[in-house]
Every structure is written in structure tokens, then in C-alpha cells.
Amino acid sequence: MATRFWNSEIYVMNANGTGLTRLTTSLSIDSEPAWGANGKIAFSSTRDGNFEIYSMNGDGTGVTRLTNSPGRIHLA
């Protein structure tokens, strides 16, 4: 995850730092990416108004919303 131009987006790059590729493009916060064993990336985003969990392919395509909460979840 990186914040550029005051917006949190998800990027991937090679281990040597080359080949930076932006995977998400939205005005919302996209954060907390995690690679799954199936090659997909799970991440949280506010693109639907509050934090939800999404999944996407490793190339940024196929974004799917996985949760539907009525508001922000506060974990104590």
C-alpha cells in the first residue's frame, strides 16, 4: 500500500523495487492488502462509504466486495 497524492492506493512491485504497478484507482481509502494462497489480494476500502473487505486478482482486475456492514467496525 502506498499513499501518493494524498490518496491511499494499492501497488505491487518486484522484490528489487522495479516495476511499480498501481492496482487500485479510487478516491477512497484502499489499504491493508494481503495476498491469498489463490493468488488473489484481499484489502479494505471505503469505496462504498465505510470500510468493507474486497478481493481482487493479482493484476488489480475483478474487484469483488466481500462484506456488507452498515457502518464502521470498531475492534476493541
PDB file of N, CA and C in Angstrom:
ATOM      1  N   MET A   1       0.848  -1.166   0.000  1.00  0.00           N
ATOM      2  CA  MET A   1       0.000   0.000   0.000  1.00  0.00           C
ATOM      3  C   MET A   1       0.892   1.226   0.000  1.00  0.00           C
ATOM      4  N   ALA A   2       0.449   2.250  -0.657  1.00  0.00           N
ATOM      5  CA  ALA A   2       1.201   3.496  -0.691  1.00  0.00           C
ATOM      6  C   ALA A   2       0.234   4.669  -0.729  1.00  0.00           C
ATOM      7  N   THR A   3       0.676   5.768  -0.184  1.00  0.00           N
ATOM      8  CA  THR A   3      -0.123   6.983  -0.248  1.00  0.00           C
ATOM      9  C   THR A   3       0.616   7.962  -1.144  1.00  0.00           C
ATOM     10  N   ARG A   4       0.003   8.262  -2.260  1.00  0.00           N
ATOM     11  CA  ARG A   4       0.563   9.214  -3.215  1.00  0.00           C
ATOM     12  C   ARG A   4      -0.520  10.211  -3.542  1.00  0.00           C
ATOM     13  N   PHE A   5      -0.177  11.420  -3.636  1.00  0.00           N
ATOM     14  CA  PHE A   5      -1.132  12.475  -3.959  1.00  0.00           C
ATOM     15  C   PHE A   5      -2.290  12.483  -2.951  1.00  0.00           C
ATOM     16  N   TRP A   6      -1.996  12.202  -1.690  1.00  0.00           N
ATOM     17  CA  TRP A   6      -2.955  12.234  -0.584  1.00  0.00           C
ATOM     18  C   TRP A   6      -4.060  11.198  -0.722  1.00  0.00           C
ATOM     19  N   ASN A   7      -3.799  10.109  -1.410  1.00  0.00           N
ATOM     20  CA  ASN A   7      -4.792   9.065  -1.584  1.00  0.00           C
ATOM     21  C   ASN A   7      -4.123   7.711  -1.392  1.00  0.00           C
ATOM     22  N   SER A   8      -4.697   6.869  -0.563  1.00  0.00           N
ATOM     23  CA  SER A   8      -4.151   5.553  -0.275  1.00  0.00           C
ATOM     24  C   SER A   8      -4.594   4.568  -1.348  1.00  0.00           C
ATOM     25  N   GLU A   9      -3.651   3.998  -2.069  1.00  0.00           N
ATOM     26  CA  GLU A   9      -3.920   3.021  -3.120  1.00  0.00           C
ATOM     27  C   GLU A   9      -3.042   1.797  -2.914  1.00  0.00           C
ATOM     28  N   ILE A  10      -3.292   0.751  -3.682  1.00  0.00           N
ATOM     29  CA  ILE A  10      -2.526  -0.491  -3.562  1.00  0.00           C
ATOM     30  C   ILE A  10      -1.672  -0.663  -4.811  1.00  0.00           C
ATOM     31  N   TYR A  11      -0.396  -0.951  -4.597  1.00  0.00           N
ATOM     32  CA  TYR A  11       0.588  -1.138  -5.661  1.00  0.00           C
ATOM     33  C   TYR A  11       1.309  -2.465  -5.467  1.00  0.00           C
ATOM     34  N   VAL A  12       1.892  -2.996  -6.519  1.00  0.00           N
ATOM     35  CA  VAL A  12       2.814  -4.124  -6.439  1.00  0.00           C
ATOM     36  C   VAL A  12       4.103  -3.714  -7.143  1.00  0.00           C
ATOM     37  N   MET A  13       5.195  -4.387  -6.779  1.00  0.00           N
ATOM     38  CA  MET A  13       6.465  -4.155  -7.455  1.00  0.00           C
ATOM     39  C   MET A  13       7.333  -5.392  -7.307  1.00  0.00           C
ATOM     40  N   ASN A  14       8.367  -5.467  -8.082  1.00  0.00           N
ATOM     41  CA  ASN A  14       9.330  -6.553  -7.980  1.00  0.00           C
ATOM     42  C   ASN A  14      10.110  -6.421  -6.676  1.00  0.00           C
ATOM     43  N   ALA A  15      10.700  -7.510  -6.238  1.00  0.00           N
ATOM     44  CA  ALA A  15      11.453  -7.519  -4.989  1.00  0.00           C
ATOM     45  C   ALA A  15      12.615  -6.526  -5.016  1.00  0.00           C
ATOM     46  N   ASN A  16      13.154  -6.224  -6.196  1.00  0.00           N
ATOM     47  CA  ASN A  16      14.272  -5.282  -6.293  1.00  0.00           C
ATOM     48  C   ASN A  16      13.815  -3.825  -6.417  1.00  0.00           C
ATOM     49  N   GLY A  17      12.506  -3.590  -6.318  1.00  0.00           N
ATOM     50  CA  GLY A  17      11.981  -2.226  -6.352  1.00  0.00           C
ATOM     51  C   GLY A  17      11.607  -1.711  -7.726  1.00  0.00           C
ATOM     52  N   THR A  18      11.804  -2.511  -8.753  1.00  0.00           N
ATOM     53  CA  THR A  18      11.437  -2.091 -10.103  1.00  0.00           C
ATOM     54  C   THR A  18      10.018  -2.548 -10.427  1.00  0.00           C
ATOM     55  N   GLY A  19       9.475  -2.037 -11.502  1.00  0.00           N
ATOM     56  CA  GLY A  19       8.187  -2.495 -11.994  1.00  0.00           C
ATOM     57  C   GLY A  19       6.999  -2.108 -11.133  1.00  0.00           C
ATOM     58  N   LEU A  20       7.006  -0.901 -10.578  1.00  0.00           N
ATOM     59  CA  LEU A  20       5.894  -0.433  -9.757  1.00  0.00           C
ATOM     60  C   LEU A  20       4.617  -0.375 -10.591  1.00  0.00           C
ATOM     61  N   THR A  21       3.574  -1.063 -10.123  1.00  0.00           N
ATOM     62  CA  THR A  21       2.292  -1.104 -10.829  1.00  0.00           C
ATOM     63  C   THR A  21       1.169  -0.767  -9.860  1.00  0.00           C
ATOM     64  N   ARG A  22       0.358   0.199 -10.211  1.00  0.00           N
ATOM     65  CA  ARG A  22      -0.777   0.594  -9.383  1.00  0.00           C
ATOM     66  C   ARG A  22      -1.944  -0.345  -9.667  1.00  0.00           C
ATOM     67  N   LEU A  23      -2.509  -0.950  -8.615  1.00  0.00           N
ATOM     68  CA  LEU A  23      -3.601  -1.892  -8.777  1.00  0.00           C
ATOM     69  C   LEU A  23      -4.975  -1.288  -8.533  1.00  0.00           C
ATOM     70  N   THR A  24      -5.066  -0.290  -7.668  1.00  0.00           N
ATOM     71  CA  THR A  24      -6.359   0.331  -7.394  1.00  0.00           C
ATOM     72  C   THR A  24      -6.323   1.795  -7.802  1.00  0.00           C
ATOM     73  N   THR A  25      -7.480   2.281  -8.217  1.00  0.00           N
ATOM     74  CA  THR A  25      -7.623   3.682  -8.591  1.00  0.00           C
ATOM     75  C   THR A  25      -8.998   4.132  -8.123  1.00  0.00           C
ATOM     76  N   SER A  26      -9.042   4.804  -7.003  1.00  0.00           N
ATOM     77  CA  SER A  26     -10.318   5.299  -6.497  1.00  0.00           C
ATOM     78  C   SER A  26     -10.065   6.516  -5.629  1.00  0.00           C
ATOM     79  N   LEU A  27     -11.100   7.272  -5.350  1.00  0.00           N
ATOM     80  CA  LEU A  27     -10.982   8.429  -4.471  1.00  0.00           C
ATOM     81  C   LEU A  27     -11.078   8.024  -3.011  1.00  0.00           C
ATOM     82  N   SER A  28     -11.319   6.749  -2.756  1.00  0.00           N
ATOM     83  CA  SER A  28     -11.474   6.239  -1.398  1.00  0.00           C
ATOM     84  C   SER A  28     -10.142   5.743  -0.845  1.00  0.00           C
ATOM     85  N   ILE A  29     -10.192   5.270   0.382  1.00  0.00           N
ATOM     86  CA  ILE A  29      -9.025   4.659   1.011  1.00  0.00           C
ATOM     87  C   ILE A  29      -9.008   3.181   0.643  1.00  0.00           C
ATOM     88  N   ASP A  30      -7.954   2.721   0.003  1.00  0.00           N
ATOM     89  CA  ASP A  30      -7.721   1.305  -0.265  1.00  0.00           C
ATOM     90  C   ASP A  30      -6.478   0.931   0.523  1.00  0.00           C
ATOM     91  N   SER A  31      -6.617  -0.030   1.456  1.00  0.00           N
ATOM     92  CA  SER A  31      -5.498  -0.311   2.352  1.00  0.00           C
ATOM     93  C   SER A  31      -5.502  -1.761   2.812  1.00  0.00           C
ATOM     94  N   GLU A  32      -4.493  -2.090   3.588  1.00  0.00           N
ATOM     95  CA  GLU A  32      -4.324  -3.389   4.242  1.00  0.00           C
ATOM     96  C   GLU A  32      -4.385  -4.578   3.285  1.00  0.00           C
ATOM     97  N   PRO A  33      -3.628  -4.539   2.181  1.00  0.00           N
ATOM     98  CA  PRO A  33      -3.659  -5.660   1.244  1.00  0.00           C
ATOM     99  C   PRO A  33      -2.980  -6.901   1.827  1.00  0.00           C
ATOM    100  N   ALA A  34      -3.511  -8.068   1.455  1.00  0.00           N
ATOM    101  CA  ALA A  34      -2.920  -9.343   1.868  1.00  0.00           C
ATOM    102  C   ALA A  34      -3.093 -10.345   0.733  1.00  0.00           C
ATOM    103  N   TRP A  35      -1.988 -10.986   0.335  1.00  0.00           N
ATOM    104  CA  TRP A  35      -2.038 -11.992  -0.725  1.00  0.00           C
ATOM    105  C   TRP A  35      -2.667 -13.263  -0.177  1.00  0.00           C
ATOM    106  N   GLY A  36      -3.551 -13.869  -0.942  1.00  0.00           N
ATOM    107  CA  GLY A  36      -4.137 -15.152  -0.585  1.00  0.00           C
ATOM    108  C   GLY A  36      -3.419 -16.274  -1.311  1.00  0.00           C
ATOM    109  N   ALA A  37      -3.589 -17.488  -0.836  1.00  0.00           N
ATOM    110  CA  ALA A  37      -2.972 -18.655  -1.459  1.00  0.00           C
ATOM    111  C   ALA A  37      -3.493 -18.880  -2.881  1.00  0.00           C
ATOM    112  N   ASN A  38      -4.672 -18.338  -3.184  1.00  0.00           N
ATOM    113  CA  ASN A  38      -5.267 -18.477  -4.512  1.00  0.00           C
ATOM    114  C   ASN A  38      -4.781 -17.418  -5.498  1.00  0.00           C
ATOM    115  N   GLY A  39      -3.830 -16.584  -5.074  1.00  0.00           N
ATOM    116  CA  GLY A  39      -3.288 -15.549  -5.948  1.00  0.00           C
ATOM    117  C   GLY A  39      -4.095 -14.264  -5.953  1.00  0.00           C
ATOM    118  N   LYS A  40      -5.153 -14.212  -5.169  1.00  0.00           N
ATOM    119  CA  LYS A  40      -5.960 -13.000  -5.069  1.00  0.00           C
ATOM    120  C   LYS A  40      -5.465 -12.134  -3.913  1.00  0.00           C
ATOM    121  N   ILE A  41      -5.842 -10.876  -3.943  1.00  0.00           N
ATOM    122  CA  ILE A  41      -5.468  -9.933  -2.897  1.00  0.00           C
ATOM    123  C   ILE A  41      -6.734  -9.501  -2.172  1.00  0.00           C
ATOM    124  N   ALA A  42      -6.744  -9.649  -0.862  1.00  0.00           N
ATOM    125  CA  ALA A  42      -7.827  -9.122  -0.035  1.00  0.00           C
ATOM    126  C   ALA A  42      -7.375  -7.754   0.465  1.00  0.00           C
ATOM    127  N   PHE A  43      -8.306  -6.803   0.560  1.00  0.00           N
ATOM    128  CA  PHE A  43      -7.957  -5.473   1.049  1.00  0.00           C
ATOM    129  C   PHE A  43      -9.198  -4.793   1.612  1.00  0.00           C
ATOM    130  N   SER A  44      -8.987  -3.751   2.398  1.00  0.00           N
ATOM    131  CA  SER A  44     -10.115  -2.972   2.906  1.00  0.00           C
ATOM    132  C   SER A  44     -10.201  -1.676   2.120  1.00  0.00           C
ATOM    133  N   SER A  45     -11.437  -1.158   2.020  1.00  0.00           N
ATOM    134  CA  SER A  45     -11.650   0.056   1.253  1.00  0.00           C
ATOM    135  C   SER A  45     -12.898   0.769   1.748  1.00  0.00           C
ATOM    136  N   THR A  46     -12.895   2.088   1.565  1.00  0.00           N
ATOM    137  CA  THR A  46     -14.067   2.895   1.897  1.00  0.00           C
ATOM    138  C   THR A  46     -14.838   3.284   0.637  1.00  0.00           C
ATOM    139  N   ARG A  47     -14.625   2.607  -0.450  1.00  0.00           N
ATOM    140  CA  ARG A  47     -15.233   2.994  -1.732  1.00  0.00           C
ATOM    141  C   ARG A  47     -16.755   2.938  -1.734  1.00  0.00           C
ATOM    142  N   ASP A  48     -17.359   2.251  -0.783  1.00  0.00           N
ATOM    143  CA  ASP A  48     -18.818   2.219  -0.675  1.00  0.00           C
ATOM    144  C   ASP A  48     -19.319   2.987   0.542  1.00  0.00           C
ATOM    145  N   GLY A  49     -18.501   3.875   1.078  1.00  0.00           N
ATOM    146  CA  GLY A  49     -18.932   4.758   2.162  1.00  0.00           C
ATOM    147  C   GLY A  49     -18.398   4.415   3.533  1.00  0.00           C
ATOM    148  N   ASN A  50     -18.092   3.170   3.779  1.00  0.00           N
ATOM    149  CA  ASN A  50     -17.481   2.767   5.039  1.00  0.00           C
ATOM    150  C   ASN A  50     -16.542   1.594   4.739  1.00  0.00           C
ATOM    151  N   PHE A  51     -15.719   1.248   5.699  1.00  0.00           N
ATOM    152  CA  PHE A  51     -14.744   0.185   5.448  1.00  0.00           C
ATOM    153  C   PHE A  51     -15.435  -1.149   5.199  1.00  0.00           C
ATOM    154  N   GLU A  52     -15.099  -1.759   4.084  1.00  0.00           N
ATOM    155  CA  GLU A  52     -15.557  -3.096   3.711  1.00  0.00           C
ATOM    156  C   GLU A  52     -14.342  -3.885   3.246  1.00  0.00           C
ATOM    157  N   ILE A  53     -14.486  -5.196   3.157  1.00  0.00           N
ATOM    158  CA  ILE A  53     -13.412  -6.063   2.676  1.00  0.00           C
ATOM    159  C   ILE A  53     -13.708  -6.439   1.230  1.00  0.00           C
ATOM    160  N   TYR A  54     -12.684  -6.329   0.403  1.00  0.00           N
ATOM    161  CA  TYR A  54     -12.782  -6.630  -1.019  1.00  0.00           C
ATOM    162  C   TYR A  54     -11.725  -7.654  -1.405  1.00  0.00           C
ATOM    163  N   SER A  55     -11.897  -8.241  -2.575  1.00  0.00           N
ATOM    164  CA  SER A  55     -10.927  -9.157  -3.156  1.00  0.00           C
ATOM    165  C   SER A  55     -10.683  -8.718  -4.594  1.00  0.00           C
ATOM    166  N   MET A  56      -9.468  -8.925  -5.083  1.00  0.00           N
ATOM    167  CA  MET A  56      -9.169  -8.648  -6.489  1.00  0.00           C
ATOM    168  C   MET A  56      -8.095  -9.613  -6.963  1.00  0.00           C
ATOM    169  N   ASN A  57      -8.005  -9.769  -8.268  1.00  0.00           N
ATOM    170  CA  ASN A  57      -6.942 -10.576  -8.854  1.00  0.00           C
ATOM    171  C   ASN A  57      -5.604  -9.877  -8.634  1.00  0.00           C
ATOM    172  N   GLY A  58      -4.527 -10.601  -8.766  1.00  0.00           N
ATOM    173  CA  GLY A  58      -3.198 -10.051  -8.549  1.00  0.00           C
ATOM    174  C   GLY A  58      -2.812  -8.932  -9.496  1.00  0.00           C
ATOM    175  N   ASP A  59      -3.562  -8.778 -10.584  1.00  0.00           N
ATOM    176  CA  ASP A  59      -3.287  -7.685 -11.528  1.00  0.00           C
ATOM    177  C   ASP A  59      -4.238  -6.507 -11.340  1.00  0.00           C
ATOM    178  N   GLY A  60      -5.091  -6.552 -10.295  1.00  0.00           N
ATOM    179  CA  GLY A  60      -5.996  -5.450  -9.996  1.00  0.00           C
ATOM    180  C   GLY A  60      -7.372  -5.571 -10.633  1.00  0.00           C
ATOM    181  N   THR A  61      -7.584  -6.585 -11.441  1.00  0.00           N
ATOM    182  CA  THR A  61      -8.894  -6.772 -12.070  1.00  0.00           C
ATOM    183  C   THR A  61      -9.805  -7.592 -11.157  1.00  0.00           C
ATOM    184  N   GLY A  62     -11.076  -7.626 -11.493  1.00  0.00           N
ATOM    185  CA  GLY A  62     -12.016  -8.485 -10.795  1.00  0.00           C
ATOM    186  C   GLY A  62     -12.283  -8.099  -9.354  1.00  0.00           C
ATOM    187  N   VAL A  63     -12.405  -6.804  -9.073  1.00  0.00           N
ATOM    188  CA  VAL A  63     -12.668  -6.351  -7.700  1.00  0.00           C
ATOM    189  C   VAL A  63     -14.062  -6.807  -7.280  1.00  0.00           C
ATOM    190  N   THR A  64     -14.127  -7.486  -6.127  1.00  0.00           N
ATOM    191  CA  THR A  64     -15.386  -8.008  -5.602  1.00  0.00           C
ATOM    192  C   THR A  64     -15.524  -7.621  -4.137  1.00  0.00           C
ATOM    193  N   ARG A  65     -16.653  -7.067  -3.794  1.00  0.00           N
ATOM    194  CA  ARG A  65     -16.940  -6.723  -2.396  1.00  0.00           C
ATOM    195  C   ARG A  65     -17.335  -7.992  -1.649  1.00  0.00           C
ATOM    196  N   LEU A  66     -16.691  -8.256  -0.498  1.00  0.00           N
ATOM    197  CA  LEU A  66     -16.931  -9.477   0.259  1.00  0.00           C
ATOM    198  C   LEU A  66     -17.800  -9.266   1.498  1.00  0.00           C
ATOM    199  N   THR A  67     -17.839  -8.054   2.039  1.00  0.00           N
ATOM    200  CA  THR A  67     -18.625  -7.788   3.234  1.00  0.00           C
ATOM    201  C   THR A  67     -19.633  -6.681   2.968  1.00  0.00           C
ATOM    202  N   ASN A  68     -20.622  -6.604   3.835  1.00  0.00           N
ATOM    203  CA  ASN A  68     -21.635  -5.562   3.717  1.00  0.00           C
ATOM    204  C   ASN A  68     -22.043  -5.142   5.122  1.00  0.00           C
ATOM    205  N   SER A  69     -21.255  -4.291   5.733  1.00  0.00           N
ATOM    206  CA  SER A  69     -21.552  -3.832   7.088  1.00  0.00           C
ATOM    207  C   SER A  69     -22.258  -2.482   7.045  1.00  0.00           C
ATOM    208  N   PRO A  70     -23.147  -2.221   7.998  1.00  0.00           N
ATOM    209  CA  PRO A  70     -23.904  -0.975   7.992  1.00  0.00           C
ATOM    210  C   PRO A  70     -23.097   0.262   8.425  1.00  0.00           C
ATOM    211  N   GLY A  71     -21.927   0.072   8.961  1.00  0.00           N
ATOM    212  CA  GLY A  71     -21.116   1.201   9.416  1.00  0.00           C
ATOM    213  C   GLY A  71     -19.729   0.741   9.785  1.00  0.00           C
ATOM    214  N   ARG A  72     -18.941   1.638  10.309  1.00  0.00           N
ATOM    215  CA  ARG A  72     -17.574   1.310  10.691  1.00  0.00           C
ATOM    216  C   ARG A  72     -17.562   0.275  11.799  1.00  0.00           C
ATOM    217  N   ILE A  73     -16.664  -0.643  11.697  1.00  0.00           N
ATOM    218  CA  ILE A  73     -16.485  -1.657  12.729  1.00  0.00           C
ATOM    219  C   ILE A  73     -15.365  -1.202  13.639  1.00  0.00           C
ATOM    220  N   HIS A  74     -15.614  -1.144  14.927  1.00  0.00           N
ATOM    221  CA  HIS A  74     -14.603  -0.751  15.899  1.00  0.00           C
ATOM    222  C   HIS A  74     -14.221  -1.976  16.722  1.00  0.00           C
ATOM    223  N   LEU A  75     -12.986  -2.381  16.583  1.00  0.00           N
ATOM    224  CA  LEU A  75     -12.493  -3.520  17.355  1.00  0.00           C
ATOM    225  C   LEU A  75     -11.785  -2.992  18.595  1.00  0.00           C
ATOM    226  N   ALA A  76     -12.135  -3.543  19.736  1.00  0.00           N
ATOM    227  CA  ALA A  76     -11.531  -3.090  20.987  1.00  0.00           C
ATOM    228  C   ALA A  76     -10.356  -3.952  21.352  1.00  0.00           C
TER     229      ALA A  76
END
